[in-house]
C-alpha cells in the first residue's frame, strides 16, 4: 500500500502554523428569523456549489444539504483519513473502515444561544477491539477536526472594508 503524500513524519516544519491547504467558501442569499439562513454556498474554485436548506426540524420546508451535514461530512472524512493512514502504517486494510458522524444543533444552556454536539461511530469489520482502540486514540490526536472539537480552533471574524 502506498504512503500518502501528507504524513506527520514528512510535513512538519517547526513551531509556527504552516498552512498546507487553504480553501474559501462564500455563503450568500436567504434570510431567516431563526438565526439560520438558507442560501448558496460556493467554493472559490467552483468545486462546491450548492443550495443550503433549513432542516425541516428547524422549520424548513425544503429538504437539502445544511451546514450541520457539511460539518458532519468533513469531520467523518477527516477522521476516516487519519485512521486509514494509521491502519496502513500498521499493515491493516483500511478499506472496510466506515466513520459515521452525528452532528446535533441545539440550545446552549450556558447562554441560551446555539451550540453543536458531534459524535463519531467507527465500524471496522475484521479488526478486533484491542487492535482498533489504540489506533482510534491516535487518529483522535491526528485528525484536526477531532482536535477542533476538543480544543476549539483559532479563528478571526472581520468586517470587509
C-alpha atoms as a PDB file:
ATOM      1  CA  UNK A   1       0.000   0.000   0.000  1.00  0.00           C
ATOM      2  CA  UNK A   2       1.277   3.464  -0.869  1.00  0.00           C
ATOM      3  CA  UNK A   3       2.002   6.101   1.741  1.00  0.00           C
ATOM      4  CA  UNK A   4       0.033   9.279   1.122  1.00  0.00           C
ATOM      5  CA  UNK A   5       1.970  12.484   0.420  1.00  0.00           C
ATOM      6  CA  UNK A   6       0.949  14.024   3.750  1.00  0.00           C
ATOM      7  CA  UNK A   7       2.045  12.426   6.981  1.00  0.00           C
ATOM      8  CA  UNK A   8       3.065  13.555  10.415  1.00  0.00           C
ATOM      9  CA  UNK A   9       6.601  12.359   9.685  1.00  0.00           C
ATOM     10  CA  UNK A  10       7.216  14.345   6.495  1.00  0.00           C
ATOM     11  CA  UNK A  11       5.338  17.636   6.542  1.00  0.00           C
ATOM     12  CA  UNK A  12       6.059  19.077   9.973  1.00  0.00           C
ATOM     13  CA  UNK A  13       8.241  22.155   9.802  1.00  0.00           C
ATOM     14  CA  UNK A  14       8.651  23.903  13.137  1.00  0.00           C
ATOM     15  CA  UNK A  15       6.813  25.781  15.840  1.00  0.00           C
ATOM     16  CA  UNK A  16       4.603  28.058  13.696  1.00  0.00           C
ATOM     17  CA  UNK A  17       1.395  27.111  11.921  1.00  0.00           C
ATOM     18  CA  UNK A  18       2.129  26.456   8.273  1.00  0.00           C
ATOM     19  CA  UNK A  19      -0.899  26.040   6.014  1.00  0.00           C
ATOM     20  CA  UNK A  20      -0.695  23.028   3.714  1.00  0.00           C
ATOM     21  CA  UNK A  21      -4.044  23.748   2.050  1.00  0.00           C
ATOM     22  CA  UNK A  22      -6.445  26.695   2.154  1.00  0.00           C
ATOM     23  CA  UNK A  23      -9.973  26.749   0.793  1.00  0.00           C
ATOM     24  CA  UNK A  24     -12.514  29.531   0.617  1.00  0.00           C
ATOM     25  CA  UNK A  25     -16.276  29.124   0.575  1.00  0.00           C
ATOM     26  CA  UNK A  26     -18.734  32.009   0.414  1.00  0.00           C
ATOM     27  CA  UNK A  27     -22.363  31.759   1.500  1.00  0.00           C
ATOM     28  CA  UNK A  28     -24.881  34.313   0.286  1.00  0.00           C
ATOM     29  CA  UNK A  29     -28.614  34.789  -0.049  1.00  0.00           C
ATOM     30  CA  UNK A  30     -31.515  33.709   2.076  1.00  0.00           C
ATOM     31  CA  UNK A  31     -32.851  35.057   5.335  1.00  0.00           C
ATOM     32  CA  UNK A  32     -34.354  33.576   8.459  1.00  0.00           C
ATOM     33  CA  UNK A  33     -35.774  34.678  11.760  1.00  0.00           C
ATOM     34  CA  UNK A  34     -34.226  31.619  13.449  1.00  0.00           C
ATOM     35  CA  UNK A  35     -30.608  32.735  13.240  1.00  0.00           C
ATOM     36  CA  UNK A  36     -30.196  30.209  10.434  1.00  0.00           C
ATOM     37  CA  UNK A  37     -30.280  31.242   6.827  1.00  0.00           C
ATOM     38  CA  UNK A  38     -30.708  29.138   3.743  1.00  0.00           C
ATOM     39  CA  UNK A  39     -28.592  30.368   0.872  1.00  0.00           C
ATOM     40  CA  UNK A  40     -25.981  29.425  -1.679  1.00  0.00           C
ATOM     41  CA  UNK A  41     -22.525  28.064  -0.841  1.00  0.00           C
ATOM     42  CA  UNK A  42     -19.784  28.214  -3.440  1.00  0.00           C
ATOM     43  CA  UNK A  43     -16.087  27.475  -3.143  1.00  0.00           C
ATOM     44  CA  UNK A  44     -13.590  29.794  -4.794  1.00  0.00           C
ATOM     45  CA  UNK A  45     -12.560  27.035  -7.208  1.00  0.00           C
ATOM     46  CA  UNK A  46     -16.175  26.130  -8.036  1.00  0.00           C
ATOM     47  CA  UNK A  47     -15.803  22.511  -6.875  1.00  0.00           C
ATOM     48  CA  UNK A  48     -18.509  23.090  -4.265  1.00  0.00           C
ATOM     49  CA  UNK A  49     -21.673  24.828  -5.395  1.00  0.00           C
ATOM     50  CA  UNK A  50     -24.925  24.064  -3.638  1.00  0.00           C
ATOM     51  CA  UNK A  51     -28.071  25.470  -2.154  1.00  0.00           C
ATOM     52  CA  UNK A  52     -28.199  25.298   1.640  1.00  0.00           C
ATOM     53  CA  UNK A  53     -31.551  24.457   3.189  1.00  0.00           C
ATOM     54  CA  UNK A  54     -33.113  24.817   6.588  1.00  0.00           C
ATOM     55  CA  UNK A  55     -33.788  21.371   8.080  1.00  0.00           C
ATOM     56  CA  UNK A  56     -37.470  20.523   8.483  1.00  0.00           C
ATOM     57  CA  UNK A  57     -36.883  20.136  12.235  1.00  0.00           C
ATOM     58  CA  UNK A  58     -35.984  23.844  12.365  1.00  0.00           C
ATOM     59  CA  UNK A  59     -38.952  24.987  10.316  1.00  0.00           C
ATOM     60  CA  UNK A  60     -37.591  24.408   6.822  1.00  0.00           C
ATOM     61  CA  UNK A  61     -39.885  23.082   4.141  1.00  0.00           C
ATOM     62  CA  UNK A  62     -37.348  22.053   1.540  1.00  0.00           C
ATOM     63  CA  UNK A  63     -35.005  19.171   2.376  1.00  0.00           C
ATOM     64  CA  UNK A  64     -31.477  19.638   1.177  1.00  0.00           C
ATOM     65  CA  UNK A  65     -27.938  19.991   2.467  1.00  0.00           C
ATOM     66  CA  UNK A  66     -27.405  22.127   5.557  1.00  0.00           C
ATOM     67  CA  UNK A  67     -24.331  23.331   7.474  1.00  0.00           C
ATOM     68  CA  UNK A  68     -24.511  20.513  10.024  1.00  0.00           C
ATOM     69  CA  UNK A  69     -24.441  17.915   7.253  1.00  0.00           C
ATOM     70  CA  UNK A  70     -21.432  19.615   5.682  1.00  0.00           C
ATOM     71  CA  UNK A  71     -19.607  19.685   9.022  1.00  0.00           C
ATOM     72  CA  UNK A  72     -20.507  16.018   9.669  1.00  0.00           C
ATOM     73  CA  UNK A  73     -19.169  15.052   6.236  1.00  0.00           C
ATOM     74  CA  UNK A  74     -15.920  16.952   6.810  1.00  0.00           C
ATOM     75  CA  UNK A  75     -15.409  15.527  10.299  1.00  0.00           C
ATOM     76  CA  UNK A  76     -16.141  11.947   9.229  1.00  0.00           C
ATOM     77  CA  UNK A  77     -13.918  12.246   6.130  1.00  0.00           C
ATOM     78  CA  UNK A  78     -11.016  13.731   8.087  1.00  0.00           C
ATOM     79  CA  UNK A  79     -11.192  11.110  10.838  1.00  0.00           C
ATOM     80  CA  UNK A  80     -11.525   8.363   8.224  1.00  0.00           C
ATOM     81  CA  UNK A  81      -8.384   9.664   6.515  1.00  0.00           C
ATOM     82  CA  UNK A  82      -6.395   9.801   9.759  1.00  0.00           C
ATOM     83  CA  UNK A  83      -7.479   6.299  10.772  1.00  0.00           C
ATOM     84  CA  UNK A  84      -6.772   4.932   7.291  1.00  0.00           C
ATOM     85  CA  UNK A  85      -3.260   6.378   7.383  1.00  0.00           C
ATOM     86  CA  UNK A  86      -2.624   4.722  10.747  1.00  0.00           C
ATOM     87  CA  UNK A  87      -4.123   1.434   9.553  1.00  0.00           C
ATOM     88  CA  UNK A  88      -1.743   1.332   6.588  1.00  0.00           C
ATOM     89  CA  UNK A  89       1.205   2.085   8.875  1.00  0.00           C
ATOM     90  CA  UNK A  90       0.202  -0.970  10.941  1.00  0.00           C
ATOM     91  CA  UNK A  91      -0.233  -3.087   7.805  1.00  0.00           C
ATOM     92  CA  UNK A  92      -4.009  -3.243   8.246  1.00  0.00           C
ATOM     93  CA  UNK A  93      -6.532  -2.884   5.429  1.00  0.00           C
ATOM     94  CA  UNK A  94      -8.388   0.434   5.798  1.00  0.00           C
ATOM     95  CA  UNK A  95     -10.934  -0.291   3.054  1.00  0.00           C
ATOM     96  CA  UNK A  96     -13.658  -1.695   5.372  1.00  0.00           C
ATOM     97  CA  UNK A  97     -13.490   1.313   7.750  1.00  0.00           C
ATOM     98  CA  UNK A  98     -16.674   3.386   7.966  1.00  0.00           C
ATOM     99  CA  UNK A  99     -16.894   6.555  10.042  1.00  0.00           C
ATOM    100  CA  UNK A 100     -20.340   7.965  10.772  1.00  0.00           C
ATOM    101  CA  UNK A 101     -20.618  11.471  12.217  1.00  0.00           C
ATOM    102  CA  UNK A 102     -23.691  12.666  14.059  1.00  0.00           C
ATOM    103  CA  UNK A 103     -23.929  16.439  14.493  1.00  0.00           C
ATOM    104  CA  UNK A 104     -26.642  17.951  16.664  1.00  0.00           C
ATOM    105  CA  UNK A 105     -27.632  21.630  16.586  1.00  0.00           C
ATOM    106  CA  UNK A 106     -29.244  22.850  19.781  1.00  0.00           C
ATOM    107  CA  UNK A 107     -29.527  25.399  22.530  1.00  0.00           C
ATOM    108  CA  UNK A 108     -26.512  26.201  24.678  1.00  0.00           C
ATOM    109  CA  UNK A 109     -27.696  26.021  28.297  1.00  0.00           C
ATOM    110  CA  UNK A 110     -24.887  28.376  29.346  1.00  0.00           C
ATOM    111  CA  UNK A 111     -26.142  31.383  27.397  1.00  0.00           C
ATOM    112  CA  UNK A 112     -29.346  30.445  25.554  1.00  0.00           C
ATOM    113  CA  UNK A 113     -27.579  30.711  22.191  1.00  0.00           C
ATOM    114  CA  UNK A 114     -26.733  27.768  19.978  1.00  0.00           C
ATOM    115  CA  UNK A 115     -24.117  25.066  20.039  1.00  0.00           C
ATOM    116  CA  UNK A 116     -23.151  21.911  18.181  1.00  0.00           C
ATOM    117  CA  UNK A 117     -22.504  18.450  19.517  1.00  0.00           C
ATOM    118  CA  UNK A 118     -20.632  15.908  17.412  1.00  0.00           C
ATOM    119  CA  UNK A 119     -20.265  12.157  17.883  1.00  0.00           C
ATOM    120  CA  UNK A 120     -18.421   9.633  15.735  1.00  0.00           C
ATOM    121  CA  UNK A 121     -19.084   5.918  15.371  1.00  0.00           C
ATOM    122  CA  UNK A 122     -16.352   3.866  13.697  1.00  0.00           C
ATOM    123  CA  UNK A 123     -17.049   0.476  12.156  1.00  0.00           C
ATOM    124  CA  UNK A 124     -14.020  -1.621  11.244  1.00  0.00           C
ATOM    125  CA  UNK A 125     -15.090  -5.154  10.366  1.00  0.00           C
ATOM    126  CA  UNK A 126     -12.405  -7.788  10.723  1.00  0.00           C
ATOM    127  CA  UNK A 127     -10.273  -5.816  13.203  1.00  0.00           C
ATOM    128  CA  UNK A 128     -10.566  -6.725  16.878  1.00  0.00           C
ATOM    129  CA  UNK A 129     -11.263  -4.102  19.534  1.00  0.00           C
ATOM    130  CA  UNK A 130      -7.817  -4.461  21.157  1.00  0.00           C
ATOM    131  CA  UNK A 131      -6.140  -3.600  17.854  1.00  0.00           C
ATOM    132  CA  UNK A 132      -8.546  -0.829  16.844  1.00  0.00           C
ATOM    133  CA  UNK A 133      -8.805   1.051  20.157  1.00  0.00           C
ATOM    134  CA  UNK A 134      -5.242   2.437  20.303  1.00  0.00           C
ATOM    135  CA  UNK A 135      -5.451   3.383  16.623  1.00  0.00           C
ATOM    136  CA  UNK A 136      -8.688   5.291  17.297  1.00  0.00           C
ATOM    137  CA  UNK A 137      -6.888   7.184  20.073  1.00  0.00           C
ATOM    138  CA  UNK A 138      -4.011   8.006  17.721  1.00  0.00           C
ATOM    139  CA  UNK A 139      -6.441   9.104  14.987  1.00  0.00           C
ATOM    140  CA  UNK A 140      -8.185  11.349  17.521  1.00  0.00           C
ATOM    141  CA  UNK A 141      -4.862  13.073  18.195  1.00  0.00           C
ATOM    142  CA  UNK A 142      -4.001  13.261  14.471  1.00  0.00           C
ATOM    143  CA  UNK A 143      -7.321  14.438  12.991  1.00  0.00           C
ATOM    144  CA  UNK A 144      -7.619  18.258  13.058  1.00  0.00           C
ATOM    145  CA  UNK A 145     -11.424  18.074  13.205  1.00  0.00           C
ATOM    146  CA  UNK A 146     -11.201  15.934  16.351  1.00  0.00           C
ATOM    147  CA  UNK A 147      -8.670  18.371  17.783  1.00  0.00           C
ATOM    148  CA  UNK A 148     -11.008  21.263  16.944  1.00  0.00           C
ATOM    149  CA  UNK A 149     -13.923  19.616  18.752  1.00  0.00           C
ATOM    150  CA  UNK A 150     -11.739  19.149  21.867  1.00  0.00           C
ATOM    151  CA  UNK A 151      -9.778  22.396  21.906  1.00  0.00           C
ATOM    152  CA  UNK A 152     -11.584  24.876  19.702  1.00  0.00           C
ATOM    153  CA  UNK A 153      -9.986  26.473  16.662  1.00  0.00           C
ATOM    154  CA  UNK A 154      -8.077  29.697  16.171  1.00  0.00           C
ATOM    155  CA  UNK A 155     -10.450  31.941  14.272  1.00  0.00           C
ATOM    156  CA  UNK A 156     -10.931  35.577  13.341  1.00  0.00           C
ATOM    157  CA  UNK A 157     -14.061  37.398  12.276  1.00  0.00           C
ATOM    158  CA  UNK A 158     -13.525  40.645  10.390  1.00  0.00           C
ATOM    159  CA  UNK A 159     -15.795  43.044   8.564  1.00  0.00           C
ATOM    160  CA  UNK A 160     -14.594  43.596   4.993  1.00  0.00           C
ATOM    161  CA  UNK A 161     -13.834  47.207   4.041  1.00  0.00           C
END
